[in-house]
Amino acid sequence: AAEEDLKRFAKRTGHEIISLKKKGDTLRFLIKRGE
C-alpha cells in the first residue's frame, strides 16, 4: 500500500520517484522534489 500511496503522492505534487527498492520488509524510495 505504501508504494502505491507514494506514487500517487509524487504524481499529485509534481515530484519524481527516482528509485524504489524493496528488501524484505523494507521499502526505500528516492524522490526528486518538484519545482
N, C-alpha and C. Protein backbone atom coordinates (compact mmCIF):
# COMPACT_ATOMS: atom_id res chain seq x y z
N ALA A 1 0.82 -1.20 0.00
CA ALA A 1 0.00 0.00 0.00
C ALA A 1 0.86 1.25 0.00
N ALA A 2 1.96 1.24 0.73
CA ALA A 2 2.82 2.43 0.80
C ALA A 2 3.39 2.78 -0.57
N GLU A 3 3.73 1.77 -1.34
CA GLU A 3 4.29 2.00 -2.67
C GLU A 3 3.31 2.77 -3.56
N GLU A 4 2.08 2.32 -3.62
CA GLU A 4 1.06 2.99 -4.43
C GLU A 4 0.74 4.38 -3.89
N ASP A 5 0.69 4.52 -2.58
CA ASP A 5 0.43 5.83 -1.97
C ASP A 5 1.51 6.83 -2.35
N LEU A 6 2.77 6.41 -2.30
CA LEU A 6 3.86 7.33 -2.64
C LEU A 6 3.86 7.68 -4.13
N LYS A 7 3.51 6.72 -4.97
CA LYS A 7 3.42 7.02 -6.40
C LYS A 7 2.35 8.08 -6.66
N ARG A 8 1.20 7.93 -6.01
CA ARG A 8 0.12 8.92 -6.17
C ARG A 8 0.54 10.28 -5.60
N PHE A 9 1.19 10.26 -4.44
CA PHE A 9 1.67 11.50 -3.82
C PHE A 9 2.63 12.22 -4.76
N ALA A 10 3.59 11.50 -5.32
CA ALA A 10 4.57 12.12 -6.21
C ALA A 10 3.89 12.73 -7.43
N LYS A 11 2.98 12.00 -8.02
CA LYS A 11 2.29 12.50 -9.21
C LYS A 11 1.47 13.74 -8.88
N ARG A 12 0.76 13.71 -7.76
CA ARG A 12 -0.11 14.81 -7.37
C ARG A 12 0.67 16.08 -7.03
N THR A 13 1.87 15.93 -6.48
CA THR A 13 2.64 17.08 -6.00
C THR A 13 3.74 17.52 -6.96
N GLY A 14 3.90 16.80 -8.08
CA GLY A 14 4.91 17.19 -9.06
C GLY A 14 6.30 16.68 -8.75
N HIS A 15 6.42 15.75 -7.82
CA HIS A 15 7.71 15.15 -7.50
C HIS A 15 7.93 13.94 -8.40
N GLU A 16 9.17 13.44 -8.43
CA GLU A 16 9.51 12.30 -9.28
C GLU A 16 10.16 11.21 -8.44
N ILE A 17 9.69 9.99 -8.57
CA ILE A 17 10.32 8.87 -7.88
C ILE A 17 11.51 8.42 -8.73
N ILE A 18 12.71 8.59 -8.19
CA ILE A 18 13.94 8.23 -8.89
C ILE A 18 14.21 6.74 -8.77
N SER A 19 14.03 6.21 -7.57
CA SER A 19 14.22 4.76 -7.39
C SER A 19 13.31 4.26 -6.28
N LEU A 20 13.02 2.98 -6.37
CA LEU A 20 12.18 2.30 -5.40
C LEU A 20 12.79 0.91 -5.21
N LYS A 21 13.22 0.61 -3.99
CA LYS A 21 13.86 -0.68 -3.73
C LYS A 21 13.15 -1.38 -2.59
N LYS A 22 12.93 -2.67 -2.78
CA LYS A 22 12.31 -3.50 -1.74
C LYS A 22 13.35 -4.50 -1.27
N LYS A 23 13.48 -4.62 0.05
CA LYS A 23 14.37 -5.63 0.62
C LYS A 23 13.71 -6.16 1.88
N GLY A 24 13.18 -7.36 1.78
CA GLY A 24 12.45 -7.92 2.91
C GLY A 24 11.23 -7.09 3.23
N ASP A 25 11.14 -6.63 4.46
CA ASP A 25 10.01 -5.80 4.90
C ASP A 25 10.28 -4.31 4.74
N THR A 26 11.39 -3.95 4.08
CA THR A 26 11.79 -2.55 3.98
C THR A 26 11.60 -2.03 2.56
N LEU A 27 11.02 -0.83 2.45
CA LEU A 27 10.92 -0.12 1.17
C LEU A 27 11.81 1.12 1.27
N ARG A 28 12.59 1.36 0.22
CA ARG A 28 13.43 2.56 0.20
C ARG A 28 13.12 3.33 -1.08
N PHE A 29 12.76 4.61 -0.91
CA PHE A 29 12.41 5.47 -2.02
C PHE A 29 13.40 6.62 -2.12
N LEU A 30 13.72 7.01 -3.35
CA LEU A 30 14.47 8.23 -3.59
C LEU A 30 13.56 9.10 -4.44
N ILE A 31 13.21 10.26 -3.90
CA ILE A 31 12.25 11.15 -4.57
C ILE A 31 12.93 12.47 -4.90
N LYS A 32 12.80 12.89 -6.17
CA LYS A 32 13.31 14.18 -6.60
C LYS A 32 12.19 15.19 -6.41
N ARG A 33 12.49 16.22 -5.68
CA ARG A 33 11.50 17.24 -5.38
C ARG A 33 11.14 18.04 -6.64
N GLY A 34 9.85 18.24 -6.85
CA GLY A 34 9.39 19.02 -7.99
C GLY A 34 9.63 20.50 -7.76
N GLU A 35 9.58 21.25 -8.84
CA GLU A 35 9.83 22.69 -8.72
C GLU A 35 8.57 23.48 -8.54
